[in-house]
C-alpha atoms as a PDB file:
ATOM      1  CA  MET A   1       7.857 -19.793 -19.500  1.00  0.00           C
ATOM      2  CA  LEU A   2       5.716 -18.997 -16.473  1.00  0.00           C
ATOM      3  CA  LYS A   3       7.425 -17.097 -13.720  1.00  0.00           C
ATOM      4  CA  LYS A   4       7.116 -19.033 -10.484  1.00  0.00           C
ATOM      5  CA  LYS A   5       6.308 -15.993  -8.343  1.00  0.00           C
ATOM      6  CA  ALA A   6       6.009 -12.275  -8.902  1.00  0.00           C
ATOM      7  CA  LYS A   7       8.542 -10.297  -6.870  1.00  0.00           C
ATOM      8  CA  ILE A   8       6.898  -7.778  -4.555  1.00  0.00           C
ATOM      9  CA  ALA A   9       8.359  -4.609  -3.039  1.00  0.00           C
ATOM     10  CA  VAL A  10       6.452  -2.891  -0.240  1.00  0.00           C
ATOM     11  CA  LEU A  11       6.956   0.861   0.275  1.00  0.00           C
ATOM     12  CA  VAL A  12       6.375   2.091   3.832  1.00  0.00           C
ATOM     13  CA  SER A  13       6.695   5.166   6.049  1.00  0.00           C
ATOM     14  CA  GLY A  14       5.457   4.145   9.483  1.00  0.00           C
ATOM     15  CA  GLY A  15       4.383   1.317  11.732  1.00  0.00           C
ATOM     16  CA  GLY A  16       3.750  -1.154   8.959  1.00  0.00           C
ATOM     17  CA  THR A  17       0.426  -2.700  10.038  1.00  0.00           C
ATOM     18  CA  ASN A  18      -0.537  -3.232   6.389  1.00  0.00           C
ATOM     19  CA  LEU A  19       2.923  -4.677   5.717  1.00  0.00           C
ATOM     20  CA  GLN A  20       2.300  -7.109   8.588  1.00  0.00           C
ATOM     21  CA  ALA A  21      -1.039  -8.084   7.025  1.00  0.00           C
ATOM     22  CA  LEU A  22       0.821  -8.858   3.777  1.00  0.00           C
ATOM     23  CA  ILE A  23       3.526 -10.874   5.560  1.00  0.00           C
ATOM     24  CA  ASP A  24       0.836 -12.827   7.456  1.00  0.00           C
ATOM     25  CA  ALA A  25      -1.092 -13.433   4.221  1.00  0.00           C
ATOM     26  CA  GLN A  26       2.064 -14.787   2.604  1.00  0.00           C
ATOM     27  CA  ASN A  27       2.664 -17.096   5.578  1.00  0.00           C
ATOM     28  CA  ASN A  28      -0.986 -18.221   5.604  1.00  0.00           C
ATOM     29  CA  GLY A  29      -1.126 -19.119   1.906  1.00  0.00           C
ATOM     30  CA  ILE A  30      -3.332 -16.193   0.836  1.00  0.00           C
ATOM     31  CA  ILE A  31      -0.516 -14.703  -1.261  1.00  0.00           C
ATOM     32  CA  VAL A  32       0.909 -17.602  -3.289  1.00  0.00           C
ATOM     33  CA  SER A  33       1.581 -16.020  -6.683  1.00  0.00           C
ATOM     34  CA  GLY A  34       3.983 -13.436  -5.254  1.00  0.00           C
ATOM     35  CA  GLN A  35       6.799 -13.161  -2.761  1.00  0.00           C
ATOM     36  CA  ILE A  36       7.699 -10.051  -0.725  1.00  0.00           C
ATOM     37  CA  ASP A  37      11.348  -9.555  -1.660  1.00  0.00           C
ATOM     38  CA  LEU A  38      12.051  -6.169  -0.162  1.00  0.00           C
ATOM     39  CA  VAL A  39      10.708  -3.280   1.900  1.00  0.00           C
ATOM     40  CA  ILE A  40      11.687   0.342   1.214  1.00  0.00           C
ATOM     41  CA  SER A  41      11.068   3.060   3.814  1.00  0.00           C
ATOM     42  CA  ASN A  42      11.264   6.813   3.262  1.00  0.00           C
ATOM     43  CA  LYS A  43      11.605   7.342   7.043  1.00  0.00           C
ATOM     44  CA  GLU A  44      14.568   6.344   9.158  1.00  0.00           C
ATOM     45  CA  GLY A  45      13.732   3.933  11.949  1.00  0.00           C
ATOM     46  CA  ALA A  46      10.154   3.217  10.773  1.00  0.00           C
ATOM     47  CA  PHE A  47       8.796   0.253  12.742  1.00  0.00           C
ATOM     48  CA  ALA A  48       7.811  -1.344   9.432  1.00  0.00           C
ATOM     49  CA  LEU A  49      11.549  -1.985   8.876  1.00  0.00           C
ATOM     50  CA  THR A  50      11.669  -3.996  12.108  1.00  0.00           C
ATOM     51  CA  ARG A  51       8.664  -6.043  10.939  1.00  0.00           C
ATOM     52  CA  ALA A  52      10.451  -6.725   7.641  1.00  0.00           C
ATOM     53  CA  LYS A  53      13.690  -7.746   9.373  1.00  0.00           C
ATOM     54  CA  ASN A  54      11.753 -10.066  11.694  1.00  0.00           C
ATOM     55  CA  ALA A  55      10.368 -11.762   8.573  1.00  0.00           C
ATOM     56  CA  ASN A  56      13.844 -11.953   6.966  1.00  0.00           C
ATOM     57  CA  ILE A  57      12.897  -9.493   4.222  1.00  0.00           C
ATOM     58  CA  LYS A  58      15.583  -7.237   2.763  1.00  0.00           C
ATOM     59  CA  THR A  59      15.171  -3.543   3.697  1.00  0.00           C
ATOM     60  CA  TYR A  60      16.287  -0.205   2.293  1.00  0.00           C
ATOM     61  CA  THR A  61      15.850   3.348   3.560  1.00  0.00           C
ATOM     62  CA  VAL A  62      15.683   6.112   0.945  1.00  0.00           C
ATOM     63  CA  LEU A  63      15.549   9.668   2.297  1.00  0.00           C
ATOM     64  CA  LYS A  64      14.456  12.544   0.075  1.00  0.00           C
ATOM     65  CA  LYS A  65      16.216  15.145   2.220  1.00  0.00           C
ATOM     66  CA  LYS A  66      19.560  13.355   1.754  1.00  0.00           C
ATOM     67  CA  LEU A  67      19.042  13.005  -2.002  1.00  0.00           C
ATOM     68  CA  GLY A  68      18.018  16.633  -2.443  1.00  0.00           C
ATOM     69  CA  SER A  69      15.027  16.319  -4.780  1.00  0.00           C
ATOM     70  CA  GLN A  70      11.939  14.286  -5.608  1.00  0.00           C
ATOM     71  CA  GLU A  71      13.550  13.213  -8.875  1.00  0.00           C
ATOM     72  CA  ASN A  72      16.698  11.867  -7.173  1.00  0.00           C
ATOM     73  CA  PHE A  73      14.525  10.210  -4.514  1.00  0.00           C
ATOM     74  CA  GLU A  74      12.408   8.424  -7.134  1.00  0.00           C
ATOM     75  CA  ASN A  75      15.449   7.498  -9.223  1.00  0.00           C
ATOM     76  CA  GLU A  76      17.040   5.810  -6.215  1.00  0.00           C
ATOM     77  CA  ILE A  77      13.852   3.815  -5.565  1.00  0.00           C
ATOM     78  CA  ILE A  78      13.706   2.841  -9.266  1.00  0.00           C
ATOM     79  CA  ARG A  79      17.353   1.732  -9.098  1.00  0.00           C
ATOM     80  CA  ILE A  80      16.606  -0.549  -6.129  1.00  0.00           C
ATOM     81  CA  LEU A  81      13.440  -1.939  -7.759  1.00  0.00           C
ATOM     82  CA  ASP A  82      15.209  -2.652 -11.040  1.00  0.00           C
ATOM     83  CA  GLU A  83      18.263  -4.148  -9.362  1.00  0.00           C
ATOM     84  CA  ASN A  84      15.960  -6.578  -7.532  1.00  0.00           C
ATOM     85  CA  GLU A  85      13.793  -7.285 -10.636  1.00  0.00           C
ATOM     86  CA  ILE A  86      10.603  -6.251  -8.835  1.00  0.00           C
ATOM     87  CA  ASP A  87       7.279  -6.976 -10.574  1.00  0.00           C
ATOM     88  CA  VAL A  88       4.723  -5.509  -8.169  1.00  0.00           C
ATOM     89  CA  ILE A  89       4.914  -2.516  -5.812  1.00  0.00           C
ATOM     90  CA  VAL A  90       2.564  -2.203  -2.832  1.00  0.00           C
ATOM     91  CA  LEU A  91       2.247   1.129  -1.037  1.00  0.00           C
ATOM     92  CA  ALA A  92       1.498   0.336   2.612  1.00  0.00           C
ATOM     93  CA  GLY A  93       1.142   3.642   4.418  1.00  0.00           C
ATOM     94  CA  PHE A  94       3.746   5.244   2.149  1.00  0.00           C
ATOM     95  CA  MET A  95       3.507   8.982   2.819  1.00  0.00           C
ATOM     96  CA  SER A  96       5.028  10.337  -0.359  1.00  0.00           C
ATOM     97  CA  ILE A  97       3.202  11.229  -3.571  1.00  0.00           C
ATOM     98  CA  LEU A  98       4.912   9.659  -6.584  1.00  0.00           C
ATOM     99  CA  SER A  99       5.289  11.557  -9.866  1.00  0.00           C
ATOM    100  CA  GLU A 100       3.748  10.590 -13.185  1.00  0.00           C
ATOM    101  CA  LYS A 101       7.230   9.660 -14.424  1.00  0.00           C
ATOM    102  CA  PHE A 102       7.442   7.043 -11.673  1.00  0.00           C
ATOM    103  CA  THR A 103       3.861   5.737 -11.803  1.00  0.00           C
ATOM    104  CA  SER A 104       3.747   5.443 -15.619  1.00  0.00           C
ATOM    105  CA  ARG A 105       6.915   3.328 -15.509  1.00  0.00           C
ATOM    106  CA  TYR A 106       5.031   0.712 -13.463  1.00  0.00           C
ATOM    107  CA  GLU A 107       1.571   1.007 -14.986  1.00  0.00           C
ATOM    108  CA  LYS A 108      -0.932  -1.355 -13.311  1.00  0.00           C
ATOM    109  CA  ARG A 109       1.847  -2.685 -11.094  1.00  0.00           C
ATOM    110  CA  ILE A 110       1.598  -0.268  -8.140  1.00  0.00           C
ATOM    111  CA  LEU A 111      -1.164  -0.928  -5.589  1.00  0.00           C
ATOM    112  CA  ASN A 112      -2.338   1.314  -2.777  1.00  0.00           C
ATOM    113  CA  VAL A 113      -4.949   0.837  -0.063  1.00  0.00           C
ATOM    114  CA  HIS A 114      -7.080   3.832   0.892  1.00  0.00           C
ATOM    115  CA  PRO A 115      -9.251   3.846   4.051  1.00  0.00           C
ATOM    116  CA  SER A 116     -12.559   4.849   2.434  1.00  0.00           C
ATOM    117  CA  LEU A 117     -14.839   3.762  -0.384  1.00  0.00           C
ATOM    118  CA  ILE A 118     -13.406   5.791  -3.270  1.00  0.00           C
ATOM    119  CA  PRO A 119     -14.650   8.234  -4.639  1.00  0.00           C
ATOM    120  CA  SER A 120     -15.667   9.321  -1.108  1.00  0.00           C
ATOM    121  CA  PHE A 121     -13.093  11.020   1.135  1.00  0.00           C
ATOM    122  CA  CYS A 122     -10.109  10.637  -1.170  1.00  0.00           C
ATOM    123  CA  GLY A 123      -7.563  12.710  -3.042  1.00  0.00           C
ATOM    124  CA  GLU A 124      -5.105  15.267  -1.742  1.00  0.00           C
ATOM    125  CA  GLY A 125      -5.148  15.805   2.018  1.00  0.00           C
ATOM    126  CA  PHE A 126      -7.185  12.675   2.709  1.00  0.00           C
ATOM    127  CA  TYR A 127      -4.881  10.250   4.509  1.00  0.00           C
ATOM    128  CA  GLY A 128      -4.712   8.501   7.860  1.00  0.00           C
ATOM    129  CA  LEU A 129      -7.107   9.770  10.509  1.00  0.00           C
ATOM    130  CA  HIS A 130      -8.195  12.717   8.312  1.00  0.00           C
ATOM    131  CA  VAL A 131     -10.228  10.271   6.207  1.00  0.00           C
ATOM    132  CA  HIS A 132     -12.130   8.885   9.207  1.00  0.00           C
ATOM    133  CA  GLU A 133     -12.640  12.359  10.706  1.00  0.00           C
ATOM    134  CA  ALA A 134     -14.214  13.472   7.417  1.00  0.00           C
ATOM    135  CA  ALA A 135     -16.440  10.360   7.241  1.00  0.00           C
ATOM    136  CA  LEU A 136     -17.733  10.891  10.783  1.00  0.00           C
ATOM    137  CA  LYS A 137     -18.238  14.623  10.221  1.00  0.00           C
ATOM    138  CA  LYS A 138     -20.339  13.852   7.154  1.00  0.00           C
ATOM    139  CA  GLY A 139     -22.369  11.322   9.124  1.00  0.00           C
ATOM    140  CA  VAL A 140     -21.986   8.429   6.679  1.00  0.00           C
ATOM    141  CA  LYS A 141     -23.388   5.116   7.909  1.00  0.00           C
ATOM    142  CA  VAL A 142     -21.064   2.961   5.807  1.00  0.00           C
ATOM    143  CA  THR A 143     -17.393   3.457   5.049  1.00  0.00           C
ATOM    144  CA  GLY A 144     -14.681   0.953   4.145  1.00  0.00           C
ATOM    145  CA  ALA A 145     -11.470   0.579   2.197  1.00  0.00           C
ATOM    146  CA  THR A 146     -10.406   0.551  -1.442  1.00  0.00           C
ATOM    147  CA  VAL A 147      -7.386  -1.005  -3.133  1.00  0.00           C
ATOM    148  CA  HIS A 148      -6.547   0.723  -6.395  1.00  0.00           C
ATOM    149  CA  PHE A 149      -3.794   0.984  -8.949  1.00  0.00           C
ATOM    150  CA  VAL A 150      -1.638   4.079  -8.490  1.00  0.00           C
ATOM    151  CA  ASN A 151      -1.350   6.750 -11.153  1.00  0.00           C
ATOM    152  CA  GLU A 152      -0.247  10.389 -11.001  1.00  0.00           C
ATOM    153  CA  ILE A 153      -3.557  11.500  -9.424  1.00  0.00           C
ATOM    154  CA  PRO A 154      -3.794  10.844  -5.643  1.00  0.00           C
ATOM    155  CA  ASP A 155      -6.303   7.976  -5.206  1.00  0.00           C
ATOM    156  CA  GLY A 156      -7.142   8.331  -8.901  1.00  0.00           C
ATOM    157  CA  GLY A 157      -6.195   4.944 -10.335  1.00  0.00           C
ATOM    158  CA  GLU A 158      -8.456   2.078 -11.357  1.00  0.00           C
ATOM    159  CA  ILE A 159     -10.164   0.301  -8.444  1.00  0.00           C
ATOM    160  CA  ILE A 160      -9.189  -3.341  -7.838  1.00  0.00           C
ATOM    161  CA  MET A 161     -11.266  -4.200  -4.735  1.00  0.00           C
ATOM    162  CA  GLN A 162     -13.507  -2.526  -2.177  1.00  0.00           C
ATOM    163  CA  LYS A 163     -14.976  -3.668   1.123  1.00  0.00           C
ATOM    164  CA  ALA A 164     -17.621  -1.884   3.145  1.00  0.00           C
ATOM    165  CA  VAL A 165     -17.536  -1.429   6.923  1.00  0.00           C
ATOM    166  CA  ASP A 166     -20.404  -0.113   9.058  1.00  0.00           C
ATOM    167  CA  VAL A 167     -19.994   3.082  11.049  1.00  0.00           C
ATOM    168  CA  GLU A 168     -21.290   2.548  14.587  1.00  0.00           C
ATOM    169  CA  ASP A 169     -22.743   4.924  17.176  1.00  0.00           C
ATOM    170  CA  GLY A 170     -20.068   6.432  19.375  1.00  0.00           C
ATOM    171  CA  ASP A 171     -17.264   5.873  16.862  1.00  0.00           C
ATOM    172  CA  THR A 172     -14.229   8.104  17.160  1.00  0.00           C
ATOM    173  CA  PRO A 173     -11.812   8.485  14.231  1.00  0.00           C
ATOM    174  CA  GLU A 174      -9.404   6.138  16.046  1.00  0.00           C
ATOM    175  CA  ILE A 175     -12.031   3.429  16.671  1.00  0.00           C
ATOM    176  CA  LEU A 176     -13.257   3.662  13.083  1.00  0.00           C
ATOM    177  CA  GLN A 177      -9.698   3.540  11.729  1.00  0.00           C
ATOM    178  CA  LYS A 178      -9.030   0.307  13.631  1.00  0.00           C
ATOM    179  CA  ARG A 179     -12.281  -1.313  12.435  1.00  0.00           C
ATOM    180  CA  VAL A 180     -11.636  -0.354   8.798  1.00  0.00           C
ATOM    181  CA  MET A 181      -8.121  -1.794   9.023  1.00  0.00           C
ATOM    182  CA  GLU A 182      -9.206  -5.068  10.613  1.00  0.00           C
ATOM    183  CA  ARG A 183     -12.368  -5.671   8.595  1.00  0.00           C
ATOM    184  CA  ALA A 184     -11.367  -4.235   5.235  1.00  0.00           C
ATOM    185  CA  GLU A 185      -7.759  -3.126   4.620  1.00  0.00           C
ATOM    186  CA  TRP A 186      -6.059  -6.238   5.975  1.00  0.00           C
ATOM    187  CA  ILE A 187      -8.386  -8.455   3.925  1.00  0.00           C
ATOM    188  CA  ILE A 188      -8.521  -6.738   0.545  1.00  0.00           C
ATOM    189  CA  LEU A 189      -4.886  -5.575   0.353  1.00  0.00           C
ATOM    190  CA  PRO A 190      -3.468  -9.137   0.475  1.00  0.00           C
ATOM    191  CA  ALA A 191      -6.290 -10.421  -1.775  1.00  0.00           C
ATOM    192  CA  SER A 192      -5.645  -7.676  -4.347  1.00  0.00           C
ATOM    193  CA  THR A 193      -1.891  -8.285  -4.200  1.00  0.00           C
ATOM    194  CA  GLU A 194      -2.459 -11.976  -4.925  1.00  0.00           C
ATOM    195  CA  LYS A 195      -4.838 -11.115  -7.799  1.00  0.00           C
ATOM    196  CA  VAL A 196      -2.336  -8.757  -9.478  1.00  0.00           C
ATOM    197  CA  CYS A 197       0.610 -11.139  -8.960  1.00  0.00           C
ATOM    198  CA  LYS A 198      -1.384 -14.024 -10.423  1.00  0.00           C
ATOM    199  CA  GLU A 199      -2.253 -11.961 -13.514  1.00  0.00           C
ATOM    200  CA  ILE A 200       1.379 -10.933 -14.001  1.00  0.00           C
ATOM    201  CA  ILE A 201       2.869 -14.429 -13.778  1.00  0.00           C
ATOM    202  CA  SER A 202       0.204 -15.924 -16.042  1.00  0.00           C
ATOM    203  CA  LYS A 203       0.881 -13.430 -18.863  1.00  0.00           C
END
């Protein structure tokens, strides 16, 4: 029997702009094969939680410092995911590296968006503005974003989609970050989420 919709959990740490792009895509009929069922934050009071509540999406906060270890932290997230029968996990600005034990449990079911064209400017230490600073320092003329499956290697999983964005004269890391979000991340993250959900429910 075909599942009607894949259940999506979004993991967040901050403002939740990519979460908002996913919520908007769901409302606009771009994501139809999946439904965002819950949002988990590893930071108390992250604005992403407010975005989720405004969209009537269930929220959880899981704090590593309260749980005492990475293993306990991941086990609590797994418990929540399993309890809610989650099919697909989207990392939307989630600032915590997940262990191989966690990622192998959800093989080809965890998606992440990275603000460069992998394999450029990726891996450990390359996140947020650091990525755009590195791109500008190198003088690249084209950058972009990549959505990939998550494995135990930071930014090391199989690529699902990429979109290029031009670097313009006078760009600062902040200006470039905004352009990459608007012209790449917010387009390919929802599209990739739909693609993966569609594949899962048609199996």
